[in-house]
């Protein structure tokens, strides 16, 4: 039996974390959560998730800063990232960072079908 894939959910909104975590757990993923950027980076280093979902607007360290740190760390740069945000024009926020953009952008309110399709494309579930 295959070991479940790990997903790190990063969002400062507790309701969104619970919503995503519950959905992903029900889909068979091993879910870890973080509510801020520094904790997300610590967990990414310790847990080595197979994928990270990341909000943009968070206090202290934004999701764009987290993405930049992930992309610049040779041990973490290969982890696929899905940005899930309510920020309009969020793609432009990543354009001038000099780092590889996230693998996927999804808008809030979240379309679970779009998330499922993105997960299927980005990580092997078997």
Foldseek 3Di string as FASTA:
>chain_A
DDDAFEEEEEALDPVVVCVVVVVVVVVPHHYDYDNDQVVSVVCCVVPVGQAYEAEADHPPAGSLNSLLVQCVDPSRNVRAYEYEYQDPPVVVVNPPSPGDDHPYYAYPVGDVVVVVVSCVVRDDRD
